[in-house]
C-alpha atoms as a PDB file:
ATOM      1  CA  MET A   1      44.597 118.909  69.903  1.00  0.00           C
ATOM      2  CA  ASN A   2      45.128 122.671  68.966  1.00  0.00           C
ATOM      3  CA  PRO A   3      45.080 121.606  65.004  1.00  0.00           C
ATOM      4  CA  VAL A   4      48.133 124.213  64.882  1.00  0.00           C
ATOM      5  CA  ARG A   5      51.195 124.000  67.075  1.00  0.00           C
ATOM      6  CA  ASN A   6      49.910 119.529  67.290  1.00  0.00           C
ATOM      7  CA  PRO A   7      50.074 117.014  64.136  1.00  0.00           C
ATOM      8  CA  SER A   8      47.161 116.483  62.370  1.00  0.00           C
ATOM      9  CA  GLU A   9      44.986 113.485  63.365  1.00  0.00           C
ATOM     10  CA  GLU A  10      46.326 112.219  60.159  1.00  0.00           C
ATOM     11  CA  ARG A  11      50.471 112.222  60.722  1.00  0.00           C
ATOM     12  CA  LEU A  12      49.753 110.679  64.433  1.00  0.00           C
ATOM     13  CA  LEU A  13      47.484 107.966  62.824  1.00  0.00           C
ATOM     14  CA  ALA A  14      49.971 107.467  60.235  1.00  0.00           C
ATOM     15  CA  TYR A  15      52.791 107.252  62.983  1.00  0.00           C
ATOM     16  CA  ALA A  16      50.990 104.866  65.084  1.00  0.00           C
ATOM     17  CA  ALA A  17      50.479 102.967  62.332  1.00  0.00           C
ATOM     18  CA  GLY A  18      53.845 103.180  61.011  1.00  0.00           C
ATOM     19  CA  THR A  19      53.222 104.691  57.458  1.00  0.00           C
ATOM     20  CA  LEU A  20      54.720 107.627  58.211  1.00  0.00           C
ATOM     21  CA  SER A  21      57.893 108.715  56.345  1.00  0.00           C
ATOM     22  CA  PRO A  22      61.026 108.237  58.642  1.00  0.00           C
ATOM     23  CA  PRO A  23      61.936 111.598  58.603  1.00  0.00           C
ATOM     24  CA  GLU A  24      58.883 113.137  59.808  1.00  0.00           C
ATOM     25  CA  ALA A  25      58.594 110.096  61.722  1.00  0.00           C
ATOM     26  CA  VAL A  26      61.880 111.762  63.529  1.00  0.00           C
ATOM     27  CA  VAL A  27      60.889 114.430  63.835  1.00  0.00           C
ATOM     28  CA  LEU A  28      57.497 113.581  65.641  1.00  0.00           C
ATOM     29  CA  ALA A  29      59.032 111.182  67.981  1.00  0.00           C
ATOM     30  CA  ALA A  30      60.681 114.263  69.209  1.00  0.00           C
ATOM     31  CA  HIS A  31      57.528 116.388  69.371  1.00  0.00           C
ATOM     32  CA  LEU A  32      55.614 113.166  71.489  1.00  0.00           C
ATOM     33  CA  ALA A  33      58.748 113.453  73.719  1.00  0.00           C
ATOM     34  CA  LEU A  34      57.630 116.764  74.942  1.00  0.00           C
ATOM     35  CA  ARG A  35      54.508 115.760  74.379  1.00  0.00           C
ATOM     36  CA  PRO A  36      53.123 113.364  77.071  1.00  0.00           C
ATOM     37  CA  ALA A  37      49.273 113.510  76.649  1.00  0.00           C
ATOM     38  CA  ASN A  38      50.024 113.467  72.651  1.00  0.00           C
ATOM     39  CA  ASN A  39      52.061 110.248  73.194  1.00  0.00           C
ATOM     40  CA  ALA A  40      49.518 108.648  75.372  1.00  0.00           C
ATOM     41  CA  TRP A  41      47.225 109.361  72.295  1.00  0.00           C
ATOM     42  CA  VAL A  42      49.158 107.911  69.956  1.00  0.00           C
ATOM     43  CA  ARG A  43      50.224 105.050  72.138  1.00  0.00           C
ATOM     44  CA  ARG A  44      46.225 104.117  72.532  1.00  0.00           C
ATOM     45  CA  LEU A  45      46.215 104.233  68.762  1.00  0.00           C
ATOM     46  CA  GLN A  46      48.793 101.726  68.643  1.00  0.00           C
ATOM     47  CA  ALA A  47      47.399  99.627  71.185  1.00  0.00           C
ATOM     48  CA  LEU A  48      43.909  99.218  69.641  1.00  0.00           C
ATOM     49  CA  GLY A  49      45.757  98.886  66.194  1.00  0.00           C
ATOM     50  CA  GLY A  50      47.530  95.198  68.425  1.00  0.00           C
ATOM     51  CA  GLU A  51      43.622  94.326  69.412  1.00  0.00           C
ATOM     52  CA  PHE A  52      42.474  94.965  65.099  1.00  0.00           C
ATOM     53  CA  LEU A  53      45.581  91.915  64.825  1.00  0.00           C
ATOM     54  CA  GLU A  54      44.787  89.620  67.601  1.00  0.00           C
ATOM     55  CA  GLU A  55      40.894  89.493  66.246  1.00  0.00           C
ATOM     56  CA  ALA A  56      42.018  89.501  62.141  1.00  0.00           C
ATOM     57  CA  GLN A  57      42.332  86.279  60.599  1.00  0.00           C
ATOM     58  CA  PRO A  58      45.142  84.325  60.615  1.00  0.00           C
ATOM     59  CA  SER A  59      46.423  84.237  56.541  1.00  0.00           C
ATOM     60  CA  ALA A  60      48.585  81.313  55.596  1.00  0.00           C
ATOM     61  CA  LEU A  61      52.436  81.528  55.436  1.00  0.00           C
ATOM     62  CA  SER A  62      54.264  81.652  51.566  1.00  0.00           C
ATOM     63  CA  GLN A  63      55.896  78.604  50.712  1.00  0.00           C
ATOM     64  CA  GLY A  64      59.307  78.283  52.697  1.00  0.00           C
ATOM     65  CA  ALA A  65      58.351  81.661  54.985  1.00  0.00           C
ATOM     66  CA  LEU A  66      59.207  79.468  58.266  1.00  0.00           C
ATOM     67  CA  ALA A  67      62.892  77.779  57.278  1.00  0.00           C
ATOM     68  CA  ARG A  68      63.482  81.783  56.132  1.00  0.00           C
ATOM     69  CA  ALA A  69      62.723  82.983  59.101  1.00  0.00           C
ATOM     70  CA  MET A  70      65.093  80.779  60.640  1.00  0.00           C
ATOM     71  CA  ALA A  71      67.533  81.440  59.020  1.00  0.00           C
ATOM     72  CA  ARG A  72      67.441  85.257  59.373  1.00  0.00           C
ATOM     73  CA  ILE A  73      67.801  84.378  63.510  1.00  0.00           C
ATOM     74  CA  GLU A  74      70.508  82.148  63.122  1.00  0.00           C
ATOM     75  CA  THR A  75      72.255  84.576  60.976  1.00  0.00           C
ATOM     76  CA  ASP A  76      71.651  87.540  63.442  1.00  0.00           C
ATOM     77  CA  ALA A  77      72.088  85.606  66.460  1.00  0.00           C
ATOM     78  CA  GLY A  78      75.908  85.587  64.923  1.00  0.00           C
ATOM     79  CA  GLU A  79      76.091  89.383  65.355  1.00  0.00           C
ATOM     80  CA  VAL A  80      77.952  91.445  67.277  1.00  0.00           C
ATOM     81  CA  ARG A  81      75.187  94.205  68.036  1.00  0.00           C
ATOM     82  CA  THR A  82      76.850  97.477  68.770  1.00  0.00           C
ATOM     83  CA  THR A  83      74.837 100.497  70.343  1.00  0.00           C
ATOM     84  CA  PRO A  84      73.727 103.326  68.052  1.00  0.00           C
ATOM     85  CA  PRO A  85      76.305 106.169  67.477  1.00  0.00           C
ATOM     86  CA  LEU A  86      75.564 108.940  70.732  1.00  0.00           C
ATOM     87  CA  ASN A  87      75.774 112.420  69.539  1.00  0.00           C
ATOM     88  CA  ASP A  88      77.622 115.142  71.633  1.00  0.00           C
ATOM     89  CA  MET A  89      74.240 116.753  72.153  1.00  0.00           C
ATOM     90  CA  PRO A  90      72.516 114.960  75.580  1.00  0.00           C
ATOM     91  CA  GLU A  91      69.807 117.692  76.308  1.00  0.00           C
ATOM     92  CA  LEU A  92      68.212 116.667  72.269  1.00  0.00           C
ATOM     93  CA  PRO A  93      64.902 114.450  73.775  1.00  0.00           C
ATOM     94  CA  GLU A  94      65.758 111.052  74.349  1.00  0.00           C
ATOM     95  CA  PRO A  95      64.356 109.920  70.274  1.00  0.00           C
ATOM     96  CA  LEU A  96      66.892 111.958  68.531  1.00  0.00           C
ATOM     97  CA  ARG A  97      69.791 111.512  70.896  1.00  0.00           C
ATOM     98  CA  ASN A  98      71.180 108.478  69.146  1.00  0.00           C
ATOM     99  CA  TYR A  99      71.086 109.766  65.640  1.00  0.00           C
ATOM    100  CA  ALA A 100      74.772 111.136  64.095  1.00  0.00           C
ATOM    101  CA  LEU A 101      75.039 114.531  63.741  1.00  0.00           C
ATOM    102  CA  GLY A 102      76.835 116.077  61.345  1.00  0.00           C
ATOM    103  CA  PRO A 103      79.095 119.744  62.089  1.00  0.00           C
ATOM    104  CA  TRP A 104      77.176 122.683  62.446  1.00  0.00           C
ATOM    105  CA  ARG A 105      76.713 124.738  58.820  1.00  0.00           C
ATOM    106  CA  TRP A 106      76.148 128.701  57.977  1.00  0.00           C
ATOM    107  CA  ILE A 107      73.115 128.865  57.090  1.00  0.00           C
ATOM    108  CA  GLY A 108      73.131 132.684  57.207  1.00  0.00           C
ATOM    109  CA  PRO A 109      73.846 136.073  59.911  1.00  0.00           C
ATOM    110  CA  GLY A 110      72.625 133.951  63.121  1.00  0.00           C
ATOM    111  CA  ILE A 111      71.052 131.129  61.775  1.00  0.00           C
ATOM    112  CA  ARG A 112      73.300 127.760  61.927  1.00  0.00           C
ATOM    113  CA  ALA A 113      72.150 124.060  60.577  1.00  0.00           C
ATOM    114  CA  ARG A 114      73.298 120.381  61.637  1.00  0.00           C
ATOM    115  CA  ASP A 115      72.285 117.168  59.512  1.00  0.00           C
ATOM    116  CA  VAL A 116      70.321 114.668  61.449  1.00  0.00           C
ATOM    117  CA  HIS A 117      72.177 110.971  60.009  1.00  0.00           C
ATOM    118  CA  ALA A 118      68.521 109.598  60.002  1.00  0.00           C
ATOM    119  CA  PRO A 119      66.650 107.179  57.237  1.00  0.00           C
ATOM    120  CA  ARG A 120      65.867 109.846  54.474  1.00  0.00           C
ATOM    121  CA  ASP A 121      62.753 109.521  52.071  1.00  0.00           C
ATOM    122  CA  GLY A 122      63.357 110.502  48.736  1.00  0.00           C
ATOM    123  CA  ASP A 123      64.750 114.458  48.810  1.00  0.00           C
ATOM    124  CA  CYS A 124      63.253 114.775  52.709  1.00  0.00           C
ATOM    125  CA  ARG A 125      65.612 114.566  55.354  1.00  0.00           C
ATOM    126  CA  VAL A 126      66.137 115.546  59.483  1.00  0.00           C
ATOM    127  CA  ILE A 127      68.231 118.959  60.287  1.00  0.00           C
ATOM    128  CA  LEU A 128      68.948 120.787  63.496  1.00  0.00           C
ATOM    129  CA  LEU A 129      68.509 124.480  62.810  1.00  0.00           C
ATOM    130  CA  LYS A 130      70.033 126.362  65.253  1.00  0.00           C
ATOM    131  CA  ILE A 131      68.437 130.765  65.032  1.00  0.00           C
ATOM    132  CA  ASP A 132      69.618 133.339  67.357  1.00  0.00           C
ATOM    133  CA  PRO A 133      67.114 135.938  69.096  1.00  0.00           C
ATOM    134  CA  GLY A 134      65.974 138.418  67.203  1.00  0.00           C
ATOM    135  CA  ARG A 135      66.942 136.363  64.115  1.00  0.00           C
ATOM    136  CA  GLU A 136      64.927 135.775  61.387  1.00  0.00           C
ATOM    137  CA  THR A 137      64.971 133.709  58.472  1.00  0.00           C
ATOM    138  CA  PRO A 138      63.222 134.803  54.656  1.00  0.00           C
ATOM    139  CA  ARG A 139      60.055 134.680  53.873  1.00  0.00           C
ATOM    140  CA  HIS A 140      59.188 131.664  52.515  1.00  0.00           C
ATOM    141  CA  THR A 141      57.369 128.570  50.472  1.00  0.00           C
ATOM    142  CA  HIS A 142      58.400 124.877  50.123  1.00  0.00           C
ATOM    143  CA  GLY A 143      59.387 123.033  47.534  1.00  0.00           C
ATOM    144  CA  GLY A 144      57.305 120.035  49.859  1.00  0.00           C
ATOM    145  CA  VAL A 145      57.009 119.223  53.483  1.00  0.00           C
ATOM    146  CA  GLU A 146      58.296 121.155  55.775  1.00  0.00           C
ATOM    147  CA  LEU A 147      57.546 119.812  59.793  1.00  0.00           C
ATOM    148  CA  THR A 148      59.425 121.450  62.639  1.00  0.00           C
ATOM    149  CA  CYS A 149      59.445 120.724  66.442  1.00  0.00           C
ATOM    150  CA  VAL A 150      60.923 123.488  68.576  1.00  0.00           C
ATOM    151  CA  LEU A 151      63.648 122.603  71.226  1.00  0.00           C
ATOM    152  CA  SER A 152      64.107 125.206  72.724  1.00  0.00           C
ATOM    153  CA  GLY A 153      63.577 128.653  72.229  1.00  0.00           C
ATOM    154  CA  ALA A 154      60.509 129.490  70.523  1.00  0.00           C
ATOM    155  CA  TYR A 155      59.899 131.429  67.015  1.00  0.00           C
ATOM    156  CA  ALA A 156      56.755 133.228  65.834  1.00  0.00           C
ATOM    157  CA  THR A 157      55.447 133.974  62.243  1.00  0.00           C
ATOM    158  CA  GLU A 158      53.020 136.006  61.168  1.00  0.00           C
ATOM    159  CA  THR A 159      49.795 134.327  62.771  1.00  0.00           C
ATOM    160  CA  THR A 160      51.266 132.482  65.412  1.00  0.00           C
ATOM    161  CA  ARG A 161      53.889 131.308  68.102  1.00  0.00           C
ATOM    162  CA  PHE A 162      55.737 128.501  68.523  1.00  0.00           C
ATOM    163  CA  ASP A 163      57.435 127.436  71.749  1.00  0.00           C
ATOM    164  CA  VAL A 164      58.776 124.301  72.962  1.00  0.00           C
ATOM    165  CA  GLY A 165      56.773 121.347  72.228  1.00  0.00           C
ATOM    166  CA  ASP A 166      54.727 122.746  69.478  1.00  0.00           C
ATOM    167  CA  LEU A 167      55.290 121.768  66.095  1.00  0.00           C
ATOM    168  CA  GLU A 168      54.232 123.296  62.945  1.00  0.00           C
ATOM    169  CA  GLU A 169      52.739 122.098  59.060  1.00  0.00           C
ATOM    170  CA  ALA A 170      54.196 123.486  56.355  1.00  0.00           C
ATOM    171  CA  ASP A 171      54.013 122.907  52.770  1.00  0.00           C
ATOM    172  CA  GLU A 172      53.822 124.632  49.204  1.00  0.00           C
ATOM    173  CA  GLU A 173      50.772 126.743  50.164  1.00  0.00           C
ATOM    174  CA  VAL A 174      52.616 127.997  53.281  1.00  0.00           C
ATOM    175  CA  LEU A 175      54.322 131.075  53.021  1.00  0.00           C
ATOM    176  CA  HIS A 176      56.006 132.315  56.276  1.00  0.00           C
ATOM    177  CA  ARG A 177      58.563 133.943  57.557  1.00  0.00           C
ATOM    178  CA  PRO A 178      59.975 132.449  61.198  1.00  0.00           C
ATOM    179  CA  ARG A 179      61.540 135.011  63.751  1.00  0.00           C
ATOM    180  CA  VAL A 180      63.226 134.029  67.076  1.00  0.00           C
ATOM    181  CA  VAL A 181      61.023 135.557  69.980  1.00  0.00           C
ATOM    182  CA  SER A 182      62.905 134.173  72.815  1.00  0.00           C
ATOM    183  CA  ASP A 183      66.037 135.349  74.570  1.00  0.00           C
ATOM    184  CA  GLU A 184      67.296 131.819  73.886  1.00  0.00           C
ATOM    185  CA  PRO A 185      68.723 130.732  70.216  1.00  0.00           C
ATOM    186  CA  CYS A 186      65.664 129.111  69.342  1.00  0.00           C
ATOM    187  CA  LEU A 187      66.324 125.096  68.051  1.00  0.00           C
ATOM    188  CA  CYS A 188      64.482 122.838  65.925  1.00  0.00           C
ATOM    189  CA  VAL A 189      64.140 119.976  64.608  1.00  0.00           C
ATOM    190  CA  VAL A 190      62.761 119.893  60.945  1.00  0.00           C
ATOM    191  CA  ALA A 191      61.761 117.238  58.215  1.00  0.00           C
ATOM    192  CA  LEU A 192      62.537 118.950  55.217  1.00  0.00           C
ATOM    193  CA  ASP A 193      61.478 117.870  51.624  1.00  0.00           C
ATOM    194  CA  GLY A 194      64.079 119.313  49.014  1.00  0.00           C
ATOM    195  CA  GLN A 195      64.355 123.028  49.395  1.00  0.00           C
ATOM    196  CA  ILE A 196      62.889 126.461  50.706  1.00  0.00           C
ATOM    197  CA  GLN A 197      61.876 128.888  48.067  1.00  0.00           C
ATOM    198  CA  PRO A 198      62.555 132.004  49.569  1.00  0.00           C
ATOM    199  CA  ASP A 199      59.652 134.434  48.278  1.00  0.00           C
ATOM    200  CA  GLY A 200      59.902 137.980  46.029  1.00  0.00           C
ATOM    201  CA  TRP A 201      62.244 139.188  43.260  1.00  0.00           C
ATOM    202  CA  LEU A 202      65.483 139.563  46.743  1.00  0.00           C
ATOM    203  CA  GLY A 203      64.522 135.716  47.230  1.00  0.00           C
ATOM    204  CA  ARG A 204      65.433 134.716  43.979  1.00  0.00           C
ATOM    205  CA  LEU A 205      68.640 136.958  44.313  1.00  0.00           C
ATOM    206  CA  ILE A 206      69.660 134.907  47.022  1.00  0.00           C
ATOM    207  CA  ARG A 207      68.012 131.334  46.791  1.00  0.00           C
ATOM    208  CA  PRO A 208      71.671 129.533  45.888  1.00  0.00           C
ATOM    209  CA  PHE A 209      73.042 130.776  48.610  1.00  0.00           C
ATOM    210  CA  ILE A 210      70.458 129.456  50.955  1.00  0.00           C
ATOM    211  CA  ARG A 211      70.704 125.621  51.148  1.00  0.00           C
ATOM    212  CA  LEU A 212      69.509 123.387  53.830  1.00  0.00           C
END
């Protein structure tokens, strides 16, 4: 796999094991829906993990575990299950369709963001980011992880172009200025930890006005 436009093997392994943070898992699920080859690789990892579990020595249950499990089953059986709320963007990959969405917010000229009501992990949350053709974000670094999957359109950094299905991993060590290079707006799903950190004196000046 290309280590730039695809998730790192460490993140894929964490996703397969169920240990990836919830916001990152949402973005990675969208990526896998758009990249069947990577999804097949994760499925093989999950199947291998299942085989290891079958071969592992069973552990004794704690006292009262069976009774608690049966009580939970009886409680759940009496509940009315409802389908998660569908959002108003049927064009999204299937893993994103059952998350409610907040309203579009103006971030800057030609840049809008929309909250995805997915599980958070501290300050890390999921957003949709839509940027018009020819527009670019301020040159910035990050307070934590920034995991971005392109859903439509394309953008380029100083070194790399990202098209539909491509995934960019960024953190505090990455300084970039994404610019939309497609003829259509670029729509991305992003797991963002904290706020972006605009670079330079102009970045420090506009930082209070850029809130993702």
